[in-house]
Protein backbone atom coordinates (compact mmCIF):
# COMPACT_ATOMS: atom_id res chain seq x y z
CA MET A 1 62.38 -89.38 -127.42
CA LEU A 2 60.82 -87.57 -130.14
CA ILE A 3 63.89 -86.89 -132.15
CA GLU A 4 64.48 -90.75 -131.90
CA GLN A 5 61.11 -91.18 -133.33
CA PHE A 6 61.60 -88.84 -136.31
CA ASP A 7 64.90 -90.47 -136.82
CA ALA A 8 63.47 -93.57 -137.29
CA ILE A 9 60.97 -92.45 -139.71
CA ALA A 10 63.35 -90.44 -141.45
CA PHE A 11 65.85 -93.34 -141.67
CA HIS A 12 62.96 -95.67 -142.87
CA ASN A 13 62.15 -93.21 -145.79
CA PHE A 14 65.21 -92.21 -146.81
CA ALA A 15 66.31 -96.27 -146.63
CA LYS A 16 63.02 -96.77 -148.82
CA GLU A 17 63.65 -93.74 -151.77
CA GLY A 18 67.36 -95.05 -151.81
CA ILE A 19 68.89 -91.97 -150.50
CA ASP A 20 72.03 -92.95 -148.80
CA TYR A 21 72.77 -89.37 -146.92
CA PHE A 22 71.20 -86.75 -144.93
CA GLU A 23 72.41 -83.04 -144.73
CA ASP A 24 72.84 -80.87 -141.86
CA ARG A 25 72.24 -77.14 -141.26
CA GLU A 26 74.93 -76.15 -142.60
CA GLY A 27 74.50 -78.32 -146.09
CA LEU A 28 76.89 -80.94 -144.66
CA ARG A 29 76.08 -84.83 -145.73
CA HIS A 30 75.99 -87.43 -143.30
CA ASP A 31 75.80 -91.30 -143.72
CA ILE A 32 71.91 -92.09 -143.73
CA LYS A 33 73.29 -94.49 -141.11
CA GLU A 34 73.75 -91.95 -138.73
CA ARG A 35 69.33 -91.41 -138.53
CA ASP A 36 68.94 -95.57 -137.66
CA PRO A 37 68.47 -95.87 -133.78
CA LYS A 38 70.04 -98.96 -133.57
CA PHE A 39 73.20 -97.91 -135.67
CA LYS A 40 73.55 -94.55 -133.38
CA LYS A 41 74.14 -96.66 -130.35
CA ILE A 42 76.71 -99.19 -132.02
CA LEU A 43 78.45 -95.91 -133.81
CA ARG A 44 78.56 -94.22 -130.30
CA ALA A 45 80.21 -97.21 -128.49
CA ALA A 46 82.68 -97.54 -131.48
CA GLU A 47 83.57 -93.76 -130.99
CA GLU A 48 83.82 -94.19 -127.50
CA GLU A 49 86.38 -97.18 -128.01
CA ALA A 50 88.18 -95.50 -130.76
CA HIS A 51 88.48 -92.46 -128.58
CA ARG A 52 89.78 -94.74 -125.75
CA GLY A 53 92.76 -96.29 -127.71
CA LEU A 54 93.55 -92.96 -129.22
CA GLU A 55 93.84 -90.92 -125.99
CA ALA A 56 96.85 -93.00 -124.88
CA SER A 57 99.01 -92.86 -128.12
CA PHE A 58 97.84 -89.87 -129.81
CA ASN A 59 98.59 -85.75 -128.44
CA PHE A 60 95.81 -84.63 -129.48
CA ARG A 61 95.90 -81.20 -128.03
CA ASN A 62 98.67 -80.37 -130.16
CA ASP A 63 96.44 -81.33 -133.22
CA MET A 64 93.16 -81.51 -132.65
CA LYS A 65 91.84 -81.92 -136.38
CA ALA A 66 94.69 -84.47 -136.77
CA PHE A 67 92.93 -86.43 -133.64
CA ILE A 68 89.40 -85.50 -134.88
CA GLN A 69 90.22 -87.32 -138.22
CA ALA A 70 91.87 -90.32 -136.63
CA LEU A 71 88.73 -90.76 -134.67
CA ARG A 72 86.59 -90.94 -137.19
CA ASP A 73 88.84 -93.32 -138.96
CA GLU A 74 89.41 -95.54 -136.14
CA THR A 75 85.38 -95.52 -135.57
CA LYS A 76 85.24 -96.40 -139.41
CA ARG A 77 87.45 -99.33 -138.69
CA ILE A 78 85.99 -100.62 -135.50
CA LEU A 79 82.40 -100.87 -137.13
CA LYS A 80 83.87 -102.60 -140.34
CA GLU A 81 85.98 -105.21 -138.02
CA LYS A 82 83.57 -105.86 -134.99
CA HIS A 83 80.20 -105.34 -136.45
CA GLY A 84 80.56 -105.86 -139.98
CA LEU A 85 78.91 -102.16 -141.28
CA ASP A 86 80.36 -99.88 -144.04
CA TRP A 87 79.99 -95.71 -142.58
CA LYS A 88 81.07 -93.18 -144.62
CA THR A 89 83.20 -90.37 -142.66
CA PRO A 90 81.72 -86.79 -142.95
CA ARG A 91 85.01 -86.26 -145.27
CA GLU A 92 83.93 -89.08 -147.37
CA MET A 93 80.41 -87.56 -147.49
CA ASN A 94 82.16 -84.20 -148.49
CA PRO A 95 84.95 -84.63 -150.50
CA PHE A 96 84.86 -80.98 -151.39
CA ALA A 97 84.55 -79.51 -148.09
CA ARG A 98 87.29 -78.45 -145.43
CA ILE A 99 86.19 -81.02 -142.94
CA SER A 100 88.44 -81.81 -139.94
């Protein structure tokens, strides 16, 4: 509950300042929408839908990095097509970092 309250406050403050990202402990940037409690629920549902869809058609045991990237790409597509939301993947937020 406390983390959700912090996320709501952080999202509001960052959005008010025009900041579109936050950094995690490793210094990687993430889309600021991930701090919005409402968006988190939608993101989680989109990730679950993407995972179910890919699980049947993707042999992720052979290439976990490729599966993770496909999962993020599919999640992004679902968010855009079904919810009209633009979300930037960690790879998009950190173009110079090696992210799977």
